[in-house]
Amino acid sequence: MFVCNKVDITKEAGEFDESDDDDDDGEEAEWGGDKEEIVFNQLKEGNLLSGESSQTCDLFHAISAKDVRDERRKMIEGPATLRFQGFQTHLQSLLGKVMKS
């Protein structure tokens, strides 16, 4: 299972980049497109996931902790909260299957 949050998707990032550089020089904007789909496609290319898109894959969850926190502070149930609840439900389902076996 993969949870996508604060990932590096710059063109210059190495395949197994282990550097701790947190400098943000705007390279991310060069990608144009949805960060979630870019990361999903990278995992798919590495044969770690299968599926048509990040929306249809049960093992991939793109969650913004900041957005969830903001929605909780405002006491609203928006898209970020729904994604987090979907992740929780899927995780509980997987744990239930493991416990039964």
Protein backbone atom coordinates (compact mmCIF):
# COMPACT_ATOMS: atom_id res chain seq x y z
CA MET A 1 0.00 0.00 0.00
CA PHE A 2 1.30 3.46 -0.88
CA VAL A 3 0.31 6.76 0.70
CA CYS A 4 1.40 9.77 -1.32
CA ASN A 5 2.25 12.83 0.78
CA LYS A 6 5.02 15.41 0.24
CA VAL A 7 6.88 13.60 -2.50
CA ASP A 8 9.73 14.84 -4.68
CA ILE A 9 8.75 14.88 -8.34
CA THR A 10 11.43 17.16 -9.81
CA LYS A 11 13.00 16.17 -13.12
CA GLU A 12 16.47 16.24 -11.62
CA ALA A 13 15.63 13.88 -8.72
CA GLY A 14 17.58 10.67 -8.95
CA GLU A 15 15.86 7.31 -9.05
CA PHE A 16 17.07 6.53 -5.54
CA ASP A 17 17.82 10.05 -4.31
CA GLU A 18 18.90 9.97 -0.67
CA SER A 19 19.90 13.62 -0.32
CA ASP A 20 18.38 15.71 2.44
CA ASP A 21 18.20 18.90 0.36
CA ASP A 22 14.98 20.73 1.12
CA ASP A 23 15.64 23.64 -1.20
CA ASP A 24 12.56 24.60 -3.17
CA ASP A 25 13.59 26.34 -6.35
CA GLY A 26 10.37 25.93 -8.29
CA GLU A 27 11.35 22.83 -10.25
CA GLU A 28 8.10 21.14 -9.31
CA ALA A 29 6.12 23.63 -11.40
CA GLU A 30 7.92 22.40 -14.54
CA TRP A 31 5.96 19.16 -14.43
CA GLY A 32 2.60 20.84 -14.95
CA GLY A 33 -0.01 18.20 -14.26
CA ASP A 34 -1.34 16.44 -11.26
CA LYS A 35 1.29 15.46 -8.70
CA GLU A 36 -0.82 12.51 -7.61
CA GLU A 37 -0.94 11.06 -11.14
CA ILE A 38 2.77 11.69 -11.69
CA VAL A 39 3.71 9.73 -8.56
CA PHE A 40 1.19 6.99 -9.39
CA ASN A 41 2.66 6.63 -12.88
CA GLN A 42 6.19 6.44 -11.45
CA LEU A 43 5.13 3.60 -9.16
CA LYS A 44 3.29 1.92 -12.02
CA GLU A 45 6.36 2.15 -14.28
CA GLY A 46 8.36 0.48 -11.51
CA ASN A 47 5.85 -2.40 -11.51
CA LEU A 48 4.88 -1.59 -7.92
CA LEU A 49 1.23 -0.83 -8.73
CA SER A 50 -1.31 -1.79 -11.33
CA GLY A 51 -4.46 -0.01 -12.38
CA GLU A 52 -5.69 2.61 -14.79
CA SER A 53 -5.26 5.65 -12.55
CA SER A 54 -4.68 6.68 -8.97
CA GLN A 55 -8.44 7.05 -8.57
CA THR A 56 -9.14 3.39 -9.42
CA CYS A 57 -6.22 1.76 -7.59
CA ASP A 58 -7.09 0.49 -4.12
CA LEU A 59 -3.46 0.37 -3.01
CA PHE A 60 -2.64 4.03 -3.72
CA HIS A 61 -3.86 6.87 -1.52
CA ALA A 62 -2.92 10.51 -2.13
CA ILE A 63 -3.56 12.36 1.12
CA SER A 64 -2.64 15.88 2.14
CA ALA A 65 -2.22 15.97 5.90
CA LYS A 66 -2.30 19.77 5.78
CA ASP A 67 -5.62 19.80 3.90
CA VAL A 68 -7.15 17.25 6.28
CA ARG A 69 -6.00 19.29 9.28
CA ASP A 70 -7.41 22.50 7.75
CA GLU A 71 -10.77 20.84 7.06
CA ARG A 72 -10.92 19.49 10.61
CA ARG A 73 -10.16 22.92 12.06
CA LYS A 74 -12.97 24.41 9.95
CA MET A 75 -15.21 21.48 10.97
CA ILE A 76 -16.06 20.59 7.37
CA GLU A 77 -15.95 17.29 5.53
CA GLY A 78 -14.29 18.12 2.24
CA PRO A 79 -12.38 16.09 -0.36
CA ALA A 80 -9.26 15.71 1.80
CA THR A 81 -11.27 14.30 4.70
CA LEU A 82 -13.08 11.89 2.38
CA ARG A 83 -9.76 10.65 0.97
CA PHE A 84 -8.43 10.09 4.47
CA GLN A 85 -11.58 8.21 5.47
CA GLY A 86 -11.22 6.05 2.36
CA PHE A 87 -7.65 5.26 3.37
CA GLN A 88 -8.75 4.36 6.91
CA THR A 89 -11.51 2.10 5.60
CA HIS A 90 -9.16 0.30 3.22
CA LEU A 91 -6.51 -0.11 5.92
CA GLN A 92 -9.06 -1.54 8.37
CA SER A 93 -10.27 -3.94 5.68
CA LEU A 94 -6.72 -5.17 5.02
CA LEU A 95 -6.05 -5.57 8.73
CA GLY A 96 -9.29 -7.53 9.12
CA LYS A 97 -8.22 -9.92 6.35
CA VAL A 98 -4.81 -10.41 7.97
CA MET A 99 -6.36 -11.07 11.36
CA LYS A 100 -8.77 -13.67 9.89
CA SER A 101 -5.96 -15.53 8.19
